[in-house]
Structure formats: structure tokens, C-alpha cells
Amino acid sequence: MPQTLTERLHRIQARIEAACARAQRSTDDVTLIAVSKTFPMARIEAARDAGLLHFGENKVQELSTKADALPGTHQGGGVVWHMIGHLQRNKAKEVVAVADLFHGLDSPRLAKALNKRAEQVGRV
């Protein structure tokens, strides 16, 4: 029998809790990020309604479109958008505008570009 999104989420959370118990860590130290790439907004909203609050995108344009429809915390919304993919420096401005967190820093030049763009809009 197919499981609902809520049932699958509860199963994943139970696995996280069990792993944390084995490692003697708090579940507060773990963030479950749903990789939402290619999924339509209706599915992302259903995931949010089921309790997921962190979503990851690996393409800046898709992140921007989705964050416009469902704003992240730095834009006053209730979800957290993570940029999880490789980023070209020329896209730094877009990422700074929409991503709550960035996970793909891979060069000092990109760090400088992100820092410059973030400073221009008062972000760290």
C-alpha cells in the first residue's frame, strides 16, 4: 500500500531519531533538507504542510522561482531555502537575494563574490 507523504516523513524522522540515539546526539543537531529540484510547487507546499521546512535547490533559476512563490525566512517566509549546487560567480547576486543558506562554496573567488553581493544588501 502506498504511503502518504506524512507517513514517509514520520518514517524518515524515526530513522533520524534512532541514528541520533545511537550516536548520542540531539536530533536538534540534524536538519532534514528536502531536495525539491524538478518538483512542482504543489508538491513542495504539500511537503511544507506535512512538516518539512527546509528545501534545497541546485539551480539558481529554479530556486529563485520557487522562493518567489514560497518565500524563505530571510524574506519573511516560513521555509528555509538552501542552495545546494555548484554556483558560478555571475549568479551570486541572485543567490544572495533568495537563498537562506548556501552549501556549495568551492573557491575563494566565489566567496569574495558572495560576500560582496551580501554586503550590498546587508546580509552576512
PDB file of N, CA and C in Angstrom:
ATOM      1  N   MET A   1       0.832  -1.178   0.000  1.00  0.00           N
ATOM      2  CA  MET A   1       0.000   0.000   0.000  1.00  0.00           C
ATOM      3  C   MET A   1       0.886   1.254   0.000  1.00  0.00           C
ATOM      4  N   PRO A   2       0.657   2.180  -0.914  1.00  0.00           N
ATOM      5  CA  PRO A   2       1.471   3.399  -0.968  1.00  0.00           C
ATOM      6  C   PRO A   2       1.322   4.240   0.298  1.00  0.00           C
ATOM      7  N   GLN A   3       2.433   4.818   0.720  1.00  0.00           N
ATOM      8  CA  GLN A   3       2.420   5.654   1.911  1.00  0.00           C
ATOM      9  C   GLN A   3       2.193   7.111   1.521  1.00  0.00           C
ATOM     10  N   THR A   4       1.554   7.846   2.418  1.00  0.00           N
ATOM     11  CA  THR A   4       1.389   9.269   2.197  1.00  0.00           C
ATOM     12  C   THR A   4       2.708   9.975   2.482  1.00  0.00           C
ATOM     13  N   LEU A   5       2.781  11.196   2.048  1.00  0.00           N
ATOM     14  CA  LEU A   5       3.972  11.999   2.313  1.00  0.00           C
ATOM     15  C   LEU A   5       4.208  12.125   3.815  1.00  0.00           C
ATOM     16  N   THR A   6       3.149  12.337   4.563  1.00  0.00           N
ATOM     17  CA  THR A   6       3.269  12.468   6.022  1.00  0.00           C
ATOM     18  C   THR A   6       3.783  11.172   6.638  1.00  0.00           C
ATOM     19  N   GLU A   7       3.308  10.047   6.171  1.00  0.00           N
ATOM     20  CA  GLU A   7       3.785   8.757   6.692  1.00  0.00           C
ATOM     21  C   GLU A   7       5.266   8.552   6.364  1.00  0.00           C
ATOM     22  N   ARG A   8       5.668   8.890   5.151  1.00  0.00           N
ATOM     23  CA  ARG A   8       7.081   8.748   4.774  1.00  0.00           C
ATOM     24  C   ARG A   8       7.947   9.679   5.611  1.00  0.00           C
ATOM     25  N   LEU A   9       7.465  10.892   5.843  1.00  0.00           N
ATOM     26  CA  LEU A   9       8.217  11.845   6.663  1.00  0.00           C
ATOM     27  C   LEU A   9       8.382  11.320   8.083  1.00  0.00           C
ATOM     28  N   HIS A  10       7.339  10.765   8.657  1.00  0.00           N
ATOM     29  CA  HIS A  10       7.438  10.209  10.011  1.00  0.00           C
ATOM     30  C   HIS A  10       8.441   9.060  10.052  1.00  0.00           C
ATOM     31  N   ARG A  11       8.464   8.246   9.010  1.00  0.00           N
ATOM     32  CA  ARG A  11       9.419   7.147   8.944  1.00  0.00           C
ATOM     33  C   ARG A  11      10.858   7.665   8.887  1.00  0.00           C
ATOM     34  N   ILE A  12      11.088   8.690   8.102  1.00  0.00           N
ATOM     35  CA  ILE A  12      12.425   9.288   7.992  1.00  0.00           C
ATOM     36  C   ILE A  12      12.831   9.907   9.326  1.00  0.00           C
ATOM     37  N   GLN A  13      11.907  10.623   9.957  1.00  0.00           N
ATOM     38  CA  GLN A  13      12.212  11.245  11.241  1.00  0.00           C
ATOM     39  C   GLN A  13      12.522  10.194  12.308  1.00  0.00           C
ATOM     40  N   ALA A  14      11.837   9.062  12.267  1.00  0.00           N
ATOM     41  CA  ALA A  14      12.120   7.986  13.216  1.00  0.00           C
ATOM     42  C   ALA A  14      13.527   7.425  12.987  1.00  0.00           C
ATOM     43  N   ARG A  15      13.936   7.312  11.726  1.00  0.00           N
ATOM     44  CA  ARG A  15      15.287   6.842  11.419  1.00  0.00           C
ATOM     45  C   ARG A  15      16.336   7.845  11.901  1.00  0.00           C
ATOM     46  N   ILE A  16      16.053   9.129  11.746  1.00  0.00           N
ATOM     47  CA  ILE A  16      16.974  10.166  12.234  1.00  0.00           C
ATOM     48  C   ILE A  16      17.081  10.087  13.753  1.00  0.00           C
ATOM     49  N   GLU A  17      15.949   9.937  14.416  1.00  0.00           N
ATOM     50  CA  GLU A  17      15.954   9.830  15.883  1.00  0.00           C
ATOM     51  C   GLU A  17      16.752   8.625  16.346  1.00  0.00           C
ATOM     52  N   ALA A  18      16.580   7.497  15.666  1.00  0.00           N
ATOM     53  CA  ALA A  18      17.315   6.284  16.040  1.00  0.00           C
ATOM     54  C   ALA A  18      18.814   6.472  15.816  1.00  0.00           C
ATOM     55  N   ALA A  19      19.190   7.080  14.703  1.00  0.00           N
ATOM     56  CA  ALA A  19      20.613   7.324  14.427  1.00  0.00           C
ATOM     57  C   ALA A  19      21.202   8.274  15.459  1.00  0.00           C
ATOM     58  N   CYS A  20      20.450   9.294  15.827  1.00  0.00           N
ATOM     59  CA  CYS A  20      20.940  10.241  16.836  1.00  0.00           C
ATOM     60  C   CYS A  20      21.092   9.555  18.193  1.00  0.00           C
ATOM     61  N   ALA A  21      20.169   8.686  18.530  1.00  0.00           N
ATOM     62  CA  ALA A  21      20.263   7.966  19.797  1.00  0.00           C
ATOM     63  C   ALA A  21      21.517   7.089  19.820  1.00  0.00           C
ATOM     64  N   ARG A  22      21.787   6.408  18.696  1.00  0.00           N
ATOM     65  CA  ARG A  22      22.985   5.565  18.615  1.00  0.00           C
ATOM     66  C   ARG A  22      24.251   6.402  18.746  1.00  0.00           C
ATOM     67  N   ALA A  23      24.232   7.598  18.186  1.00  0.00           N
ATOM     68  CA  ALA A  23      25.415   8.464  18.198  1.00  0.00           C
ATOM     69  C   ALA A  23      25.457   9.366  19.423  1.00  0.00           C
ATOM     70  N   GLN A  24      24.466   9.229  20.267  1.00  0.00           N
ATOM     71  CA  GLN A  24      24.349  10.059  21.470  1.00  0.00           C
ATOM     72  C   GLN A  24      24.385  11.546  21.118  1.00  0.00           C
ATOM     73  N   ARG A  25      23.591  11.892  20.107  1.00  0.00           N
ATOM     74  CA  ARG A  25      23.464  13.276  19.660  1.00  0.00           C
ATOM     75  C   ARG A  25      22.008  13.692  19.759  1.00  0.00           C
ATOM     76  N   SER A  26      21.799  14.974  19.838  1.00  0.00           N
ATOM     77  CA  SER A  26      20.448  15.513  19.862  1.00  0.00           C
ATOM     78  C   SER A  26      19.898  15.599  18.440  1.00  0.00           C
ATOM     79  N   THR A  27      18.624  15.322  18.287  1.00  0.00           N
ATOM     80  CA  THR A  27      18.002  15.486  16.978  1.00  0.00           C
ATOM     81  C   THR A  27      17.964  16.959  16.571  1.00  0.00           C
ATOM     82  N   ASP A  28      18.132  17.849  17.528  1.00  0.00           N
ATOM     83  CA  ASP A  28      18.202  19.280  17.206  1.00  0.00           C
ATOM     84  C   ASP A  28      19.445  19.619  16.396  1.00  0.00           C
ATOM     85  N   ASP A  29      20.442  18.717  16.396  1.00  0.00           N
ATOM     86  CA  ASP A  29      21.676  18.931  15.640  1.00  0.00           C
ATOM     87  C   ASP A  29      21.538  18.518  14.169  1.00  0.00           C
ATOM     88  N   VAL A  30      20.381  17.971  13.803  1.00  0.00           N
ATOM     89  CA  VAL A  30      20.185  17.439  12.458  1.00  0.00           C
ATOM     90  C   VAL A  30      19.102  18.242  11.743  1.00  0.00           C
ATOM     91  N   THR A  31      19.389  18.622  10.513  1.00  0.00           N
ATOM     92  CA  THR A  31      18.411  19.316   9.680  1.00  0.00           C
ATOM     93  C   THR A  31      18.100  18.454   8.471  1.00  0.00           C
ATOM     94  N   LEU A  32      16.844  18.102   8.318  1.00  0.00           N
ATOM     95  CA  LEU A  32      16.402  17.345   7.153  1.00  0.00           C
ATOM     96  C   LEU A  32      16.077  18.342   6.046  1.00  0.00           C
ATOM     97  N   ILE A  33      16.816  18.241   4.944  1.00  0.00           N
ATOM     98  CA  ILE A  33      16.606  19.128   3.806  1.00  0.00           C
ATOM     99  C   ILE A  33      15.997  18.303   2.667  1.00  0.00           C
ATOM    100  N   ALA A  34      14.810  18.694   2.242  1.00  0.00           N
ATOM    101  CA  ALA A  34      14.152  18.024   1.117  1.00  0.00           C
ATOM    102  C   ALA A  34      14.682  18.638  -0.170  1.00  0.00           C
ATOM    103  N   VAL A  35      15.280  17.826  -1.005  1.00  0.00           N
ATOM    104  CA  VAL A  35      15.772  18.316  -2.291  1.00  0.00           C
ATOM    105  C   VAL A  35      14.556  18.411  -3.208  1.00  0.00           C
ATOM    106  N   SER A  36      14.207  19.654  -3.509  1.00  0.00           N
ATOM    107  CA  SER A  36      12.947  19.914  -4.205  1.00  0.00           C
ATOM    108  C   SER A  36      13.105  20.140  -5.698  1.00  0.00           C
ATOM    109  N   LYS A  37      14.315  19.945  -6.202  1.00  0.00           N
ATOM    110  CA  LYS A  37      14.533  20.202  -7.627  1.00  0.00           C
ATOM    111  C   LYS A  37      13.607  19.344  -8.485  1.00  0.00           C
ATOM    112  N   THR A  38      13.113  19.941  -9.520  1.00  0.00           N
ATOM    113  CA  THR A  38      12.179  19.372 -10.501  1.00  0.00           C
ATOM    114  C   THR A  38      10.767  19.133  -9.963  1.00  0.00           C
ATOM    115  N   PHE A  39      10.540  19.307  -8.673  1.00  0.00           N
ATOM    116  CA  PHE A  39       9.197  19.106  -8.149  1.00  0.00           C
ATOM    117  C   PHE A  39       8.376  20.386  -8.302  1.00  0.00           C
ATOM    118  N   PRO A  40       7.101  20.259  -8.654  1.00  0.00           N
ATOM    119  CA  PRO A  40       6.256  21.444  -8.778  1.00  0.00           C
ATOM    120  C   PRO A  40       5.924  22.040  -7.408  1.00  0.00           C
ATOM    121  N   MET A  41       5.516  23.288  -7.408  1.00  0.00           N
ATOM    122  CA  MET A  41       5.206  23.983  -6.159  1.00  0.00           C
ATOM    123  C   MET A  41       4.131  23.266  -5.345  1.00  0.00           C
ATOM    124  N   ALA A  42       3.172  22.655  -5.985  1.00  0.00           N
ATOM    125  CA  ALA A  42       2.120  21.952  -5.244  1.00  0.00           C
ATOM    126  C   ALA A  42       2.710  20.854  -4.360  1.00  0.00           C
ATOM    127  N   ARG A  43       3.715  20.146  -4.863  1.00  0.00           N
ATOM    128  CA  ARG A  43       4.358  19.095  -4.064  1.00  0.00           C
ATOM    129  C   ARG A  43       5.180  19.686  -2.927  1.00  0.00           C
ATOM    130  N   ILE A  44       5.849  20.806  -3.200  1.00  0.00           N
ATOM    131  CA  ILE A  44       6.644  21.465  -2.160  1.00  0.00           C
ATOM    132  C   ILE A  44       5.723  21.997  -1.067  1.00  0.00           C
ATOM    133  N   GLU A  45       4.614  22.583  -1.455  1.00  0.00           N
ATOM    134  CA  GLU A  45       3.653  23.071  -0.462  1.00  0.00           C
ATOM    135  C   GLU A  45       3.066  21.916   0.346  1.00  0.00           C
ATOM    136  N   ALA A  46       2.827  20.787  -0.290  1.00  0.00           N
ATOM    137  CA  ALA A  46       2.336  19.606   0.435  1.00  0.00           C
ATOM    138  C   ALA A  46       3.389  19.126   1.425  1.00  0.00           C
ATOM    139  N   ALA A  47       4.649  19.151   1.029  1.00  0.00           N
ATOM    140  CA  ALA A  47       5.739  18.758   1.934  1.00  0.00           C
ATOM    141  C   ALA A  47       5.809  19.724   3.109  1.00  0.00           C
ATOM    142  N   ARG A  48       5.687  21.010   2.835  1.00  0.00           N
ATOM    143  CA  ARG A  48       5.674  22.005   3.916  1.00  0.00           C
ATOM    144  C   ARG A  48       4.506  21.744   4.865  1.00  0.00           C
ATOM    145  N   ASP A  49       3.352  21.465   4.304  1.00  0.00           N
ATOM    146  CA  ASP A  49       2.166  21.193   5.126  1.00  0.00           C
ATOM    147  C   ASP A  49       2.337  19.926   5.965  1.00  0.00           C
ATOM    148  N   ALA A  50       3.175  19.004   5.481  1.00  0.00           N
ATOM    149  CA  ALA A  50       3.455  17.770   6.222  1.00  0.00           C
ATOM    150  C   ALA A  50       4.510  17.976   7.301  1.00  0.00           C
ATOM    151  N   GLY A  51       5.125  19.159   7.315  1.00  0.00           N
ATOM    152  CA  GLY A  51       6.089  19.454   8.369  1.00  0.00           C
ATOM    153  C   GLY A  51       7.513  19.737   7.920  1.00  0.00           C
ATOM    154  N   LEU A  52       7.809  19.591   6.642  1.00  0.00           N
ATOM    155  CA  LEU A  52       9.158  19.912   6.155  1.00  0.00           C
ATOM    156  C   LEU A  52       9.284  21.415   5.988  1.00  0.00           C
ATOM    157  N   LEU A  53      10.384  21.959   6.463  1.00  0.00           N
ATOM    158  CA  LEU A  53      10.588  23.401   6.375  1.00  0.00           C
ATOM    159  C   LEU A  53      11.837  23.782   5.597  1.00  0.00           C
ATOM    160  N   HIS A  54      12.717  22.838   5.324  1.00  0.00           N
ATOM    161  CA  HIS A  54      13.979  23.108   4.637  1.00  0.00           C
ATOM    162  C   HIS A  54      13.946  22.453   3.264  1.00  0.00           C
ATOM    163  N   PHE A  55      14.229  23.267   2.231  1.00  0.00           N
ATOM    164  CA  PHE A  55      14.196  22.782   0.857  1.00  0.00           C
ATOM    165  C   PHE A  55      15.476  23.179   0.145  1.00  0.00           C
ATOM    166  N   GLY A  56      16.028  22.270  -0.638  1.00  0.00           N
ATOM    167  CA  GLY A  56      17.273  22.512  -1.343  1.00  0.00           C
ATOM    168  C   GLY A  56      17.095  22.498  -2.844  1.00  0.00           C
ATOM    169  N   GLU A  57      17.730  23.450  -3.489  1.00  0.00           N
ATOM    170  CA  GLU A  57      17.730  23.543  -4.948  1.00  0.00           C
ATOM    171  C   GLU A  57      19.165  23.602  -5.428  1.00  0.00           C
ATOM    172  N   ASN A  58      19.420  23.064  -6.613  1.00  0.00           N
ATOM    173  CA  ASN A  58      20.772  23.119  -7.151  1.00  0.00           C
ATOM    174  C   ASN A  58      20.883  23.999  -8.390  1.00  0.00           C
ATOM    175  N   LYS A  59      19.790  24.629  -8.785  1.00  0.00           N
ATOM    176  CA  LYS A  59      19.823  25.557  -9.915  1.00  0.00           C
ATOM    177  C   LYS A  59      19.258  26.896  -9.453  1.00  0.00           C
ATOM    178  N   VAL A  60      19.998  27.950  -9.710  1.00  0.00           N
ATOM    179  CA  VAL A  60      19.634  29.273  -9.209  1.00  0.00           C
ATOM    180  C   VAL A  60      18.277  29.720  -9.739  1.00  0.00           C
ATOM    181  N   GLN A  61      18.016  29.514 -11.012  1.00  0.00           N
ATOM    182  CA  GLN A  61      16.744  29.981 -11.581  1.00  0.00           C
ATOM    183  C   GLN A  61      15.559  29.266 -10.940  1.00  0.00           C
ATOM    184  N   GLU A  62      15.669  27.976 -10.734  1.00  0.00           N
ATOM    185  CA  GLU A  62      14.586  27.229 -10.107  1.00  0.00           C
ATOM    186  C   GLU A  62      14.414  27.672  -8.651  1.00  0.00           C
ATOM    187  N   LEU A  63      15.515  27.879  -7.953  1.00  0.00           N
ATOM    188  CA  LEU A  63      15.448  28.384  -6.578  1.00  0.00           C
ATOM    189  C   LEU A  63      14.750  29.736  -6.542  1.00  0.00           C
ATOM    190  N   SER A  64      15.115  30.612  -7.440  1.00  0.00           N
ATOM    191  CA  SER A  64      14.541  31.952  -7.479  1.00  0.00           C
ATOM    192  C   SER A  64      13.036  31.900  -7.725  1.00  0.00           C
ATOM    193  N   THR A  65      12.614  31.103  -8.674  1.00  0.00           N
ATOM    194  CA  THR A  65      11.189  30.970  -8.997  1.00  0.00           C
ATOM    195  C   THR A  65      10.411  30.428  -7.803  1.00  0.00           C
ATOM    196  N   LYS A  66      10.949  29.402  -7.170  1.00  0.00           N
ATOM    197  CA  LYS A  66      10.253  28.783  -6.040  1.00  0.00           C
ATOM    198  C   LYS A  66      10.254  29.684  -4.811  1.00  0.00           C
ATOM    199  N   ALA A  67      11.349  30.396  -4.567  1.00  0.00           N
ATOM    200  CA  ALA A  67      11.413  31.300  -3.418  1.00  0.00           C
ATOM    201  C   ALA A  67      10.489  32.498  -3.614  1.00  0.00           C
ATOM    202  N   ASP A  68      10.256  32.898  -4.851  1.00  0.00           N
ATOM    203  CA  ASP A  68       9.283  33.958  -5.112  1.00  0.00           C
ATOM    204  C   ASP A  68       7.876  33.494  -4.739  1.00  0.00           C
ATOM    205  N   ALA A  69       7.570  32.231  -5.050  1.00  0.00           N
ATOM    206  CA  ALA A  69       6.242  31.683  -4.752  1.00  0.00           C
ATOM    207  C   ALA A  69       6.082  31.316  -3.282  1.00  0.00           C
ATOM    208  N   LEU A  70       7.164  30.903  -2.644  1.00  0.00           N
ATOM    209  CA  LEU A  70       7.139  30.469  -1.245  1.00  0.00           C
ATOM    210  C   LEU A  70       8.381  31.055  -0.570  1.00  0.00           C
ATOM    211  N   PRO A  71       8.284  32.282  -0.054  1.00  0.00           N
ATOM    212  CA  PRO A  71       9.469  32.971   0.459  1.00  0.00           C
ATOM    213  C   PRO A  71      10.147  32.237   1.615  1.00  0.00           C
ATOM    214  N   GLY A  72      11.462  32.387   1.632  1.00  0.00           N
ATOM    215  CA  GLY A  72      12.272  31.840   2.709  1.00  0.00           C
ATOM    216  C   GLY A  72      12.309  32.775   3.896  1.00  0.00           C
ATOM    217  N   THR A  73      12.980  32.352   4.947  1.00  0.00           N
ATOM    218  CA  THR A  73      12.983  33.111   6.200  1.00  0.00           C
ATOM    219  C   THR A  73      13.590  34.493   6.059  1.00  0.00           C
ATOM    220  N   HIS A  74      14.624  34.643   5.256  1.00  0.00           N
ATOM    221  CA  HIS A  74      15.223  35.981   5.146  1.00  0.00           C
ATOM    222  C   HIS A  74      14.317  36.940   4.374  1.00  0.00           C
ATOM    223  N   GLN A  75      13.304  36.408   3.692  1.00  0.00           N
ATOM    224  CA  GLN A  75      12.328  37.237   3.004  1.00  0.00           C
ATOM    225  C   GLN A  75      11.018  37.326   3.798  1.00  0.00           C
ATOM    226  N   GLY A  76      11.057  36.844   5.050  1.00  0.00           N
ATOM    227  CA  GLY A  76       9.875  36.913   5.894  1.00  0.00           C
ATOM    228  C   GLY A  76       8.954  35.709   5.803  1.00  0.00           C
ATOM    229  N   GLY A  77       9.363  34.669   5.078  1.00  0.00           N
ATOM    230  CA  GLY A  77       8.541  33.474   4.923  1.00  0.00           C
ATOM    231  C   GLY A  77       8.809  32.441   6.001  1.00  0.00           C
ATOM    232  N   GLY A  78       8.155  31.300   5.850  1.00  0.00           N
ATOM    233  CA  GLY A  78       8.233  30.275   6.872  1.00  0.00           C
ATOM    234  C   GLY A  78       9.051  29.054   6.524  1.00  0.00           C
ATOM    235  N   VAL A  79       9.691  29.053   5.352  1.00  0.00           N
ATOM    236  CA  VAL A  79      10.538  27.919   4.986  1.00  0.00           C
ATOM    237  C   VAL A  79      11.977  28.417   4.872  1.00  0.00           C
ATOM    238  N   VAL A  80      12.896  27.475   4.725  1.00  0.00           N
ATOM    239  CA  VAL A  80      14.312  27.818   4.577  1.00  0.00           C
ATOM    240  C   VAL A  80      14.783  27.239   3.246  1.00  0.00           C
ATOM    241  N   TRP A  81      15.255  28.133   2.379  1.00  0.00           N
ATOM    242  CA  TRP A  81      15.765  27.703   1.079  1.00  0.00           C
ATOM    243  C   TRP A  81      17.277  27.553   1.143  1.00  0.00           C
ATOM    244  N   HIS A  82      17.747  26.386   0.702  1.00  0.00           N
ATOM    245  CA  HIS A  82      19.171  26.067   0.670  1.00  0.00           C
ATOM    246  C   HIS A  82      19.613  25.972  -0.786  1.00  0.00           C
ATOM    247  N   MET A  83      20.666  26.676  -1.131  1.00  0.00           N
ATOM    248  CA  MET A  83      21.298  26.494  -2.443  1.00  0.00           C
ATOM    249  C   MET A  83      22.335  25.410  -2.249  1.00  0.00           C
ATOM    250  N   ILE A  84      22.127  24.272  -2.910  1.00  0.00           N
ATOM    251  CA  ILE A  84      22.966  23.109  -2.651  1.00  0.00           C
ATOM    252  C   ILE A  84      23.880  22.742  -3.819  1.00  0.00           C
ATOM    253  N   GLY A  85      23.787  23.451  -4.910  1.00  0.00           N
ATOM    254  CA  GLY A  85      24.589  23.080  -6.068  1.00  0.00           C
ATOM    255  C   GLY A  85      25.746  24.008  -6.331  1.00  0.00           C
ATOM    256  N   HIS A  86      26.500  23.673  -7.343  1.00  0.00           N
ATOM    257  CA  HIS A  86      27.619  24.497  -7.798  1.00  0.00           C
ATOM    258  C   HIS A  86      27.078  25.859  -8.210  1.00  0.00           C
ATOM    259  N   LEU A  87      27.851  26.873  -7.972  1.00  0.00           N
ATOM    260  CA  LEU A  87      27.425  28.225  -8.310  1.00  0.00           C
ATOM    261  C   LEU A  87      28.513  28.948  -9.080  1.00  0.00           C
ATOM    262  N   GLN A  88      28.140  29.553 -10.190  1.00  0.00           N
ATOM    263  CA  GLN A  88      29.048  30.416 -10.933  1.00  0.00           C
ATOM    264  C   GLN A  88      28.999  31.803 -10.296  1.00  0.00           C
ATOM    265  N   ARG A  89      30.119  32.500 -10.315  1.00  0.00           N
ATOM    266  CA  ARG A  89      30.189  33.816  -9.666  1.00  0.00           C
ATOM    267  C   ARG A  89      29.146  34.794 -10.198  1.00  0.00           C
ATOM    268  N   ASN A  90      28.828  34.708 -11.479  1.00  0.00           N
ATOM    269  CA  ASN A  90      27.873  35.657 -12.045  1.00  0.00           C
ATOM    270  C   ASN A  90      26.447  35.452 -11.519  1.00  0.00           C
ATOM    271  N   LYS A  91      26.214  34.391 -10.790  1.00  0.00           N
ATOM    272  CA  LYS A  91      24.894  34.116 -10.197  1.00  0.00           C
ATOM    273  C   LYS A  91      24.845  34.477  -8.715  1.00  0.00           C
ATOM    274  N   ALA A  92      25.927  35.029  -8.178  1.00  0.00           N
ATOM    275  CA  ALA A  92      26.000  35.340  -6.745  1.00  0.00           C
ATOM    276  C   ALA A  92      24.901  36.307  -6.317  1.00  0.00           C
ATOM    277  N   LYS A  93      24.624  37.297  -7.132  1.00  0.00           N
ATOM    278  CA  LYS A  93      23.599  38.289  -6.788  1.00  0.00           C
ATOM    279  C   LYS A  93      22.236  37.626  -6.608  1.00  0.00           C
ATOM    280  N   GLU A  94      21.892  36.723  -7.521  1.00  0.00           N
ATOM    281  CA  GLU A  94      20.604  36.022  -7.430  1.00  0.00           C
ATOM    282  C   GLU A  94      20.525  35.154  -6.186  1.00  0.00           C
ATOM    283  N   VAL A  95      21.594  34.438  -5.894  1.00  0.00           N
ATOM    284  CA  VAL A  95      21.591  33.549  -4.725  1.00  0.00           C
ATOM    285  C   VAL A  95      21.442  34.353  -3.439  1.00  0.00           C
ATOM    286  N   VAL A  96      22.167  35.446  -3.348  1.00  0.00           N
ATOM    287  CA  VAL A  96      22.084  36.298  -2.155  1.00  0.00           C
ATOM    288  C   VAL A  96      20.660  36.822  -1.974  1.00  0.00           C
ATOM    289  N   ALA A  97      19.966  37.056  -3.071  1.00  0.00           N
ATOM    290  CA  ALA A  97      18.606  37.595  -2.997  1.00  0.00           C
ATOM    291  C   ALA A  97      17.588  36.577  -2.506  1.00  0.00           C
ATOM    292  N   VAL A  98      17.796  35.291  -2.773  1.00  0.00           N
ATOM    293  CA  VAL A  98      16.739  34.313  -2.480  1.00  0.00           C
ATOM    294  C   VAL A  98      17.113  33.191  -1.523  1.00  0.00           C
ATOM    295  N   ALA A  99      18.368  32.805  -1.457  1.00  0.00           N
ATOM    296  CA  ALA A  99      18.752  31.654  -0.623  1.00  0.00           C
ATOM    297  C   ALA A  99      18.908  32.079   0.840  1.00  0.00           C
ATOM    298  N   ASP A 100      18.426  31.239   1.719  1.00  0.00           N
ATOM    299  CA  ASP A 100      18.659  31.460   3.144  1.00  0.00           C
ATOM    300  C   ASP A 100      20.034  30.933   3.544  1.00  0.00           C
ATOM    301  N   LEU A 101      20.438  29.821   2.948  1.00  0.00           N
ATOM    302  CA  LEU A 101      21.737  29.209   3.231  1.00  0.00           C
ATOM    303  C   LEU A 101      22.357  28.727   1.932  1.00  0.00           C
ATOM    304  N   PHE A 102      23.690  28.753   1.895  1.00  0.00           N
ATOM    305  CA  PHE A 102      24.423  28.330   0.706  1.00  0.00           C
ATOM    306  C   PHE A 102      25.420  27.255   1.097  1.00  0.00           C
ATOM    307  N   HIS A 103      25.402  26.132   0.380  1.00  0.00           N
ATOM    308  CA  HIS A 103      26.221  24.979   0.756  1.00  0.00           C
ATOM    309  C   HIS A 103      27.314  24.627  -0.248  1.00  0.00           C
ATOM    310  N   GLY A 104      27.493  25.402  -1.300  1.00  0.00           N
ATOM    311  CA  GLY A 104      28.390  24.976  -2.355  1.00  0.00           C
ATOM    312  C   GLY A 104      29.627  25.821  -2.557  1.00  0.00           C
ATOM    313  N   LEU A 105      30.142  26.407  -1.504  1.00  0.00           N
ATOM    314  CA  LEU A 105      31.321  27.259  -1.655  1.00  0.00           C
ATOM    315  C   LEU A 105      32.524  26.400  -2.037  1.00  0.00           C
ATOM    316  N   ASP A 106      33.107  26.710  -3.195  1.00  0.00           N
ATOM    317  CA  ASP A 106      34.215  25.875  -3.657  1.00  0.00           C
ATOM    318  C   ASP A 106      35.435  26.657  -4.127  1.00  0.00           C
ATOM    319  N   SER A 107      35.437  27.978  -3.899  1.00  0.00           N
ATOM    320  CA  SER A 107      36.631  28.735  -4.292  1.00  0.00           C
ATOM    321  C   SER A 107      36.664  30.070  -3.557  1.00  0.00           C
ATOM    322  N   PRO A 108      37.863  30.598  -3.339  1.00  0.00           N
ATOM    323  CA  PRO A 108      37.979  31.928  -2.726  1.00  0.00           C
ATOM    324  C   PRO A 108      37.321  33.014  -3.581  1.00  0.00           C
ATOM    325  N   ARG A 109      37.388  32.880  -4.898  1.00  0.00           N
ATOM    326  CA  ARG A 109      36.777  33.880  -5.783  1.00  0.00           C
ATOM    327  C   ARG A 109      35.266  33.909  -5.608  1.00  0.00           C
ATOM    328  N   LEU A 110      34.657  32.749  -5.472  1.00  0.00           N
ATOM    329  CA  LEU A 110      33.210  32.703  -5.238  1.00  0.00           C
ATOM    330  C   LEU A 110      32.879  33.280  -3.868  1.00  0.00           C
ATOM    331  N   ALA A 111      33.695  32.982  -2.873  1.00  0.00           N
ATOM    332  CA  ALA A 111      33.481  33.537  -1.531  1.00  0.00           C
ATOM    333  C   ALA A 111      33.494  35.060  -1.572  1.00  0.00           C
ATOM    334  N   LYS A 112      34.439  35.630  -2.302  1.00  0.00           N
ATOM    335  CA  LYS A 112      34.529  37.088  -2.417  1.00  0.00           C
ATOM    336  C   LYS A 112      33.318  37.661  -3.142  1.00  0.00           C
ATOM    337  N   ALA A 113      32.881  36.992  -4.199  1.00  0.00           N
ATOM    338  CA  ALA A 113      31.715  37.467  -4.958  1.00  0.00           C
ATOM    339  C   ALA A 113      30.453  37.424  -4.092  1.00  0.00           C
ATOM    340  N   LEU A 114      30.263  36.331  -3.362  1.00  0.00           N
ATOM    341  CA  LEU A 114      29.100  36.224  -2.478  1.00  0.00           C
ATOM    342  C   LEU A 114      29.154  37.267  -1.372  1.00  0.00           C
ATOM    343  N   ASN A 115      30.328  37.436  -0.791  1.00  0.00           N
ATOM    344  CA  ASN A 115      30.482  38.408   0.288  1.00  0.00           C
ATOM    345  C   ASN A 115      30.176  39.826  -0.210  1.00  0.00           C
ATOM    346  N   LYS A 116      30.675  40.164  -1.371  1.00  0.00           N
ATOM    347  CA  LYS A 116      30.439  41.489  -1.950  1.00  0.00           C
ATOM    348  C   LYS A 116      28.945  41.714  -2.157  1.00  0.00           C
ATOM    349  N   ARG A 117      28.267  40.751  -2.754  1.00  0.00           N
ATOM    350  CA  ARG A 117      26.829  40.881  -3.019  1.00  0.00           C
ATOM    351  C   ARG A 117      26.030  40.912  -1.716  1.00  0.00           C
ATOM    352  N   ALA A 118      26.431  40.107  -0.765  1.00  0.00           N
ATOM    353  CA  ALA A 118      25.721  40.082   0.523  1.00  0.00           C
ATOM    354  C   ALA A 118      25.874  41.415   1.248  1.00  0.00           C
ATOM    355  N   GLU A 119      27.073  41.972   1.244  1.00  0.00           N
ATOM    356  CA  GLU A 119      27.299  43.270   1.896  1.00  0.00           C
ATOM    357  C   GLU A 119      26.441  44.364   1.268  1.00  0.00           C
ATOM    358  N   GLN A 120      26.249  44.286  -0.049  1.00  0.00           N
ATOM    359  CA  GLN A 120      25.464  45.307  -0.747  1.00  0.00           C
ATOM    360  C   GLN A 120      23.997  45.328  -0.304  1.00  0.00           C
ATOM    361  N   VAL A 121      23.509  44.188   0.190  1.00  0.00           N
ATOM    362  CA  VAL A 121      22.106  44.120   0.633  1.00  0.00           C
ATOM    363  C   VAL A 121      21.985  43.915   2.141  1.00  0.00           C
ATOM    364  N   GLY A 122      23.102  44.068   2.851  1.00  0.00           N
ATOM    365  CA  GLY A 122      23.058  43.976   4.312  1.00  0.00           C
ATOM    366  C   GLY A 122      22.921  42.581   4.856  1.00  0.00           C
ATOM    367  N   ARG A 123      23.425  41.600   4.142  1.00  0.00           N
ATOM    368  CA  ARG A 123      23.392  40.209   4.602  1.00  0.00           C
ATOM    369  C   ARG A 123      24.797  39.739   4.909  1.00  0.00           C
ATOM    370  N   VAL A 124      24.877  38.706   5.720  1.00  0.00           N
ATOM    371  CA  VAL A 124      26.172  38.095   6.031  1.00  0.00           C
ATOM    372  C   VAL A 124      26.256  36.795   5.270  1.00  0.00           C
TER     373      VAL A 124
END
